[in-house]
């Protein structure tokens, strides 16, 4: 059996299901509702350099690196997924690299206001952290001015409002 290396796999063009839109590392996937992986309305994950979706949810292990089919299996049939993209490709790449290096450090799925804590985490806070810490504070998906406090909740809608909406697709892989 001829297995592809990580570099060969990354060189293959990947598209979002049912679309002609190429996946880009650093894209954020936002599910609008009913995610089995979230207690809240909405769920967020970030596309890695290897086209896996990095996200945090309540299922052990709490940090995940899912293939697209596995990621979509965590969402209901017909659920709408919106593709969000940061305007600066290099900042998005730094963010996704941070997520890839830190997703497995989450120890507990809980809503903690301390934005610096990685061990106690949830989906949208993890995405905020990826952009903020991955860009050394250059990208703050909650505010435009310099951050004075790291005590805040990050709701999925805040992420949704701060990134460019590229398109949406319906989860049809699991019908």
C-alpha atoms as a PDB file:
ATOM      1  CA  UNK A   1       0.000   0.000   0.000  1.00  0.00           C
ATOM      2  CA  UNK A   2       1.356   3.410  -0.994  1.00  0.00           C
ATOM      3  CA  UNK A   3       0.736   5.937   1.793  1.00  0.00           C
ATOM      4  CA  UNK A   4       0.994   9.678   1.188  1.00  0.00           C
ATOM      5  CA  UNK A   5       3.310  11.762   3.342  1.00  0.00           C
ATOM      6  CA  UNK A   6       1.921  14.775   5.216  1.00  0.00           C
ATOM      7  CA  UNK A   7       3.496  17.122   2.640  1.00  0.00           C
ATOM      8  CA  UNK A   8       1.937  15.200  -0.276  1.00  0.00           C
ATOM      9  CA  UNK A   9      -1.440  15.191   1.464  1.00  0.00           C
ATOM     10  CA  UNK A  10      -1.240  18.934   2.098  1.00  0.00           C
ATOM     11  CA  UNK A  11      -0.441  19.571  -1.591  1.00  0.00           C
ATOM     12  CA  UNK A  12      -3.770  18.037  -2.676  1.00  0.00           C
ATOM     13  CA  UNK A  13      -6.543  20.577  -3.197  1.00  0.00           C
ATOM     14  CA  UNK A  14      -9.303  20.173  -0.660  1.00  0.00           C
ATOM     15  CA  UNK A  15     -12.781  21.587  -1.197  1.00  0.00           C
ATOM     16  CA  UNK A  16     -15.666  22.206   1.149  1.00  0.00           C
ATOM     17  CA  UNK A  17     -18.400  19.573   0.743  1.00  0.00           C
ATOM     18  CA  UNK A  18     -20.814  20.286  -2.100  1.00  0.00           C
ATOM     19  CA  UNK A  19     -18.929  23.433  -3.178  1.00  0.00           C
ATOM     20  CA  UNK A  20     -16.140  24.493  -5.518  1.00  0.00           C
ATOM     21  CA  UNK A  21     -14.552  26.516  -2.691  1.00  0.00           C
ATOM     22  CA  UNK A  22     -11.017  25.505  -1.770  1.00  0.00           C
ATOM     23  CA  UNK A  23     -10.310  25.043   1.905  1.00  0.00           C
ATOM     24  CA  UNK A  24      -7.621  27.365   3.226  1.00  0.00           C
ATOM     25  CA  UNK A  25      -5.621  26.847   6.405  1.00  0.00           C
ATOM     26  CA  UNK A  26      -6.917  29.310   8.969  1.00  0.00           C
ATOM     27  CA  UNK A  27     -10.515  29.242   7.721  1.00  0.00           C
ATOM     28  CA  UNK A  28     -12.985  29.077  10.579  1.00  0.00           C
ATOM     29  CA  UNK A  29     -16.048  26.863  10.314  1.00  0.00           C
ATOM     30  CA  UNK A  30     -19.093  28.158  12.149  1.00  0.00           C
ATOM     31  CA  UNK A  31     -22.119  25.936  12.649  1.00  0.00           C
ATOM     32  CA  UNK A  32     -25.274  27.884  13.203  1.00  0.00           C
ATOM     33  CA  UNK A  33     -27.137  25.689  15.643  1.00  0.00           C
ATOM     34  CA  UNK A  34     -27.837  22.229  16.921  1.00  0.00           C
ATOM     35  CA  UNK A  35     -24.200  21.115  17.029  1.00  0.00           C
ATOM     36  CA  UNK A  36     -23.924  17.890  18.965  1.00  0.00           C
ATOM     37  CA  UNK A  37     -20.504  19.151  19.995  1.00  0.00           C
ATOM     38  CA  UNK A  38     -21.752  22.227  21.827  1.00  0.00           C
ATOM     39  CA  UNK A  39     -24.180  23.230  24.555  1.00  0.00           C
ATOM     40  CA  UNK A  40     -24.551  26.675  22.967  1.00  0.00           C
ATOM     41  CA  UNK A  41     -25.952  27.871  19.714  1.00  0.00           C
ATOM     42  CA  UNK A  42     -23.111  27.649  17.277  1.00  0.00           C
ATOM     43  CA  UNK A  43     -19.763  25.901  17.202  1.00  0.00           C
ATOM     44  CA  UNK A  44     -16.407  26.947  15.747  1.00  0.00           C
ATOM     45  CA  UNK A  45     -13.374  25.080  14.440  1.00  0.00           C
ATOM     46  CA  UNK A  46     -10.294  26.120  12.451  1.00  0.00           C
ATOM     47  CA  UNK A  47      -8.873  24.447   9.346  1.00  0.00           C
ATOM     48  CA  UNK A  48      -5.320  23.230   9.895  1.00  0.00           C
ATOM     49  CA  UNK A  49      -2.362  23.137   7.550  1.00  0.00           C
ATOM     50  CA  UNK A  50      -3.220  19.448   7.029  1.00  0.00           C
ATOM     51  CA  UNK A  51      -6.913  20.271   6.341  1.00  0.00           C
ATOM     52  CA  UNK A  52      -8.071  18.714   9.593  1.00  0.00           C
ATOM     53  CA  UNK A  53     -10.524  20.744  11.659  1.00  0.00           C
ATOM     54  CA  UNK A  54      -9.125  21.759  15.066  1.00  0.00           C
ATOM     55  CA  UNK A  55     -11.736  22.449  17.701  1.00  0.00           C
ATOM     56  CA  UNK A  56     -12.721  21.982  21.317  1.00  0.00           C
ATOM     57  CA  UNK A  57     -15.913  20.333  22.478  1.00  0.00           C
ATOM     58  CA  UNK A  58     -17.378  18.533  25.451  1.00  0.00           C
ATOM     59  CA  UNK A  59     -16.478  15.022  24.234  1.00  0.00           C
ATOM     60  CA  UNK A  60     -13.258  13.522  25.581  1.00  0.00           C
ATOM     61  CA  UNK A  61     -10.562  14.130  24.420  1.00  0.00           C
ATOM     62  CA  UNK A  62     -11.644  17.759  24.574  1.00  0.00           C
ATOM     63  CA  UNK A  63      -9.323  19.064  21.848  1.00  0.00           C
ATOM     64  CA  UNK A  64      -9.864  17.456  18.445  1.00  0.00           C
ATOM     65  CA  UNK A  65      -8.112  17.281  15.065  1.00  0.00           C
ATOM     66  CA  UNK A  66     -10.888  15.851  12.889  1.00  0.00           C
ATOM     67  CA  UNK A  67     -10.995  15.003   9.214  1.00  0.00           C
ATOM     68  CA  UNK A  68     -13.900  16.749   7.478  1.00  0.00           C
ATOM     69  CA  UNK A  69     -16.119  13.614   7.541  1.00  0.00           C
ATOM     70  CA  UNK A  70     -15.511  13.114  11.281  1.00  0.00           C
ATOM     71  CA  UNK A  71     -16.072  16.814  11.972  1.00  0.00           C
ATOM     72  CA  UNK A  72     -19.365  16.774  10.070  1.00  0.00           C
ATOM     73  CA  UNK A  73     -20.439  13.576  11.845  1.00  0.00           C
ATOM     74  CA  UNK A  74     -20.527  15.690  15.022  1.00  0.00           C
ATOM     75  CA  UNK A  75     -23.199  17.900  13.435  1.00  0.00           C
ATOM     76  CA  UNK A  76     -26.742  17.101  12.464  1.00  0.00           C
ATOM     77  CA  UNK A  77     -27.965  16.361   8.978  1.00  0.00           C
ATOM     78  CA  UNK A  78     -28.871  19.581   7.196  1.00  0.00           C
ATOM     79  CA  UNK A  79     -26.989  21.788   9.642  1.00  0.00           C
ATOM     80  CA  UNK A  80     -25.642  24.942   8.008  1.00  0.00           C
ATOM     81  CA  UNK A  81     -21.872  25.494   8.207  1.00  0.00           C
ATOM     82  CA  UNK A  82     -20.488  28.927   7.308  1.00  0.00           C
ATOM     83  CA  UNK A  83     -16.936  29.345   6.055  1.00  0.00           C
ATOM     84  CA  UNK A  84     -15.274  32.369   7.678  1.00  0.00           C
ATOM     85  CA  UNK A  85     -11.949  33.776   6.525  1.00  0.00           C
ATOM     86  CA  UNK A  86      -9.525  36.287   8.003  1.00  0.00           C
ATOM     87  CA  UNK A  87      -8.420  38.998   5.552  1.00  0.00           C
ATOM     88  CA  UNK A  88      -4.701  38.403   6.156  1.00  0.00           C
ATOM     89  CA  UNK A  89      -3.594  34.939   4.977  1.00  0.00           C
ATOM     90  CA  UNK A  90      -0.318  34.979   6.944  1.00  0.00           C
ATOM     91  CA  UNK A  91      -2.096  35.848  10.199  1.00  0.00           C
ATOM     92  CA  UNK A  92      -4.589  33.057   9.512  1.00  0.00           C
ATOM     93  CA  UNK A  93      -1.716  30.602   8.975  1.00  0.00           C
ATOM     94  CA  UNK A  94      -0.022  31.680  12.222  1.00  0.00           C
ATOM     95  CA  UNK A  95      -3.363  31.170  13.977  1.00  0.00           C
ATOM     96  CA  UNK A  96      -3.910  27.688  12.617  1.00  0.00           C
ATOM     97  CA  UNK A  97      -0.366  26.656  13.466  1.00  0.00           C
ATOM     98  CA  UNK A  98      -1.000  27.776  17.053  1.00  0.00           C
ATOM     99  CA  UNK A  99      -4.226  25.724  17.142  1.00  0.00           C
ATOM    100  CA  UNK A 100      -2.424  22.653  15.797  1.00  0.00           C
ATOM    101  CA  UNK A 101       0.252  22.971  18.497  1.00  0.00           C
ATOM    102  CA  UNK A 102      -2.175  23.511  21.382  1.00  0.00           C
ATOM    103  CA  UNK A 103      -5.471  21.652  20.785  1.00  0.00           C
ATOM    104  CA  UNK A 104      -4.345  18.637  22.792  1.00  0.00           C
ATOM    105  CA  UNK A 105      -3.517  20.764  25.852  1.00  0.00           C
ATOM    106  CA  UNK A 106      -7.194  21.310  26.711  1.00  0.00           C
ATOM    107  CA  UNK A 107      -7.969  19.337  29.882  1.00  0.00           C
ATOM    108  CA  UNK A 108     -11.552  20.361  30.550  1.00  0.00           C
ATOM    109  CA  UNK A 109     -14.509  21.708  28.581  1.00  0.00           C
ATOM    110  CA  UNK A 110     -15.834  24.573  30.650  1.00  0.00           C
ATOM    111  CA  UNK A 111     -16.841  28.210  30.300  1.00  0.00           C
ATOM    112  CA  UNK A 112     -14.069  30.096  32.061  1.00  0.00           C
ATOM    113  CA  UNK A 113     -13.670  33.842  31.534  1.00  0.00           C
ATOM    114  CA  UNK A 114      -9.874  33.751  31.726  1.00  0.00           C
ATOM    115  CA  UNK A 115      -8.790  34.066  28.088  1.00  0.00           C
ATOM    116  CA  UNK A 116      -5.228  33.034  28.951  1.00  0.00           C
ATOM    117  CA  UNK A 117      -6.210  29.602  30.289  1.00  0.00           C
ATOM    118  CA  UNK A 118      -5.776  26.863  27.736  1.00  0.00           C
ATOM    119  CA  UNK A 119      -6.497  23.901  30.008  1.00  0.00           C
ATOM    120  CA  UNK A 120     -10.107  24.992  30.753  1.00  0.00           C
ATOM    121  CA  UNK A 121     -11.588  25.839  27.396  1.00  0.00           C
ATOM    122  CA  UNK A 122     -14.489  25.825  24.931  1.00  0.00           C
ATOM    123  CA  UNK A 123     -14.809  26.137  21.159  1.00  0.00           C
ATOM    124  CA  UNK A 124     -15.007  29.870  20.509  1.00  0.00           C
ATOM    125  CA  UNK A 125     -12.489  30.767  23.211  1.00  0.00           C
ATOM    126  CA  UNK A 126     -10.019  28.337  21.617  1.00  0.00           C
ATOM    127  CA  UNK A 127     -10.465  30.023  18.216  1.00  0.00           C
ATOM    128  CA  UNK A 128      -9.997  33.454  19.824  1.00  0.00           C
ATOM    129  CA  UNK A 129      -6.814  32.174  21.487  1.00  0.00           C
ATOM    130  CA  UNK A 130      -5.520  30.770  18.188  1.00  0.00           C
ATOM    131  CA  UNK A 131      -5.855  34.144  16.481  1.00  0.00           C
ATOM    132  CA  UNK A 132      -4.695  36.219  19.438  1.00  0.00           C
ATOM    133  CA  UNK A 133      -1.754  34.135  20.642  1.00  0.00           C
ATOM    134  CA  UNK A 134      -0.894  32.801  17.171  1.00  0.00           C
ATOM    135  CA  UNK A 135      -0.371  36.366  15.970  1.00  0.00           C
ATOM    136  CA  UNK A 136       1.233  37.577  19.213  1.00  0.00           C
ATOM    137  CA  UNK A 137      -1.733  39.812  20.000  1.00  0.00           C
ATOM    138  CA  UNK A 138      -2.073  41.348  16.535  1.00  0.00           C
ATOM    139  CA  UNK A 139      -5.516  39.821  15.871  1.00  0.00           C
ATOM    140  CA  UNK A 140      -8.157  40.196  18.574  1.00  0.00           C
ATOM    141  CA  UNK A 141     -11.482  38.826  17.363  1.00  0.00           C
ATOM    142  CA  UNK A 142     -13.318  40.584  20.212  1.00  0.00           C
ATOM    143  CA  UNK A 143     -12.144  44.174  19.924  1.00  0.00           C
ATOM    144  CA  UNK A 144     -10.062  46.545  17.817  1.00  0.00           C
ATOM    145  CA  UNK A 145      -8.276  48.459  20.568  1.00  0.00           C
ATOM    146  CA  UNK A 146      -5.443  47.186  22.753  1.00  0.00           C
ATOM    147  CA  UNK A 147      -6.612  44.549  25.223  1.00  0.00           C
ATOM    148  CA  UNK A 148      -6.623  45.679  28.867  1.00  0.00           C
ATOM    149  CA  UNK A 149      -8.275  42.639  30.403  1.00  0.00           C
ATOM    150  CA  UNK A 150      -8.220  38.913  29.732  1.00  0.00           C
ATOM    151  CA  UNK A 151     -11.477  38.300  31.627  1.00  0.00           C
ATOM    152  CA  UNK A 152     -14.212  37.819  29.072  1.00  0.00           C
ATOM    153  CA  UNK A 153     -16.405  35.154  27.527  1.00  0.00           C
ATOM    154  CA  UNK A 154     -16.099  34.518  23.778  1.00  0.00           C
ATOM    155  CA  UNK A 155     -19.370  33.518  22.161  1.00  0.00           C
ATOM    156  CA  UNK A 156     -19.392  31.853  18.716  1.00  0.00           C
ATOM    157  CA  UNK A 157     -21.340  34.825  17.310  1.00  0.00           C
ATOM    158  CA  UNK A 158     -18.460  37.160  18.175  1.00  0.00           C
ATOM    159  CA  UNK A 159     -16.163  35.102  15.947  1.00  0.00           C
ATOM    160  CA  UNK A 160     -18.842  35.037  13.241  1.00  0.00           C
ATOM    161  CA  UNK A 161     -19.143  38.833  13.232  1.00  0.00           C
ATOM    162  CA  UNK A 162     -15.387  39.547  12.992  1.00  0.00           C
ATOM    163  CA  UNK A 163     -14.400  37.366  10.020  1.00  0.00           C
ATOM    164  CA  UNK A 164     -15.401  37.529   6.352  1.00  0.00           C
ATOM    165  CA  UNK A 165     -18.240  35.218   5.387  1.00  0.00           C
ATOM    166  CA  UNK A 166     -17.120  33.297   2.285  1.00  0.00           C
ATOM    167  CA  UNK A 167     -20.068  30.912   1.827  1.00  0.00           C
ATOM    168  CA  UNK A 168     -22.189  28.352   3.626  1.00  0.00           C
ATOM    169  CA  UNK A 169     -22.814  24.704   2.951  1.00  0.00           C
ATOM    170  CA  UNK A 170     -25.302  22.237   4.320  1.00  0.00           C
ATOM    171  CA  UNK A 171     -24.111  19.116   6.101  1.00  0.00           C
ATOM    172  CA  UNK A 172     -25.233  16.523   3.571  1.00  0.00           C
ATOM    173  CA  UNK A 173     -22.514  13.943   4.218  1.00  0.00           C
ATOM    174  CA  UNK A 174     -24.556  12.210   6.890  1.00  0.00           C
ATOM    175  CA  UNK A 175     -28.069  11.754   5.571  1.00  0.00           C
END
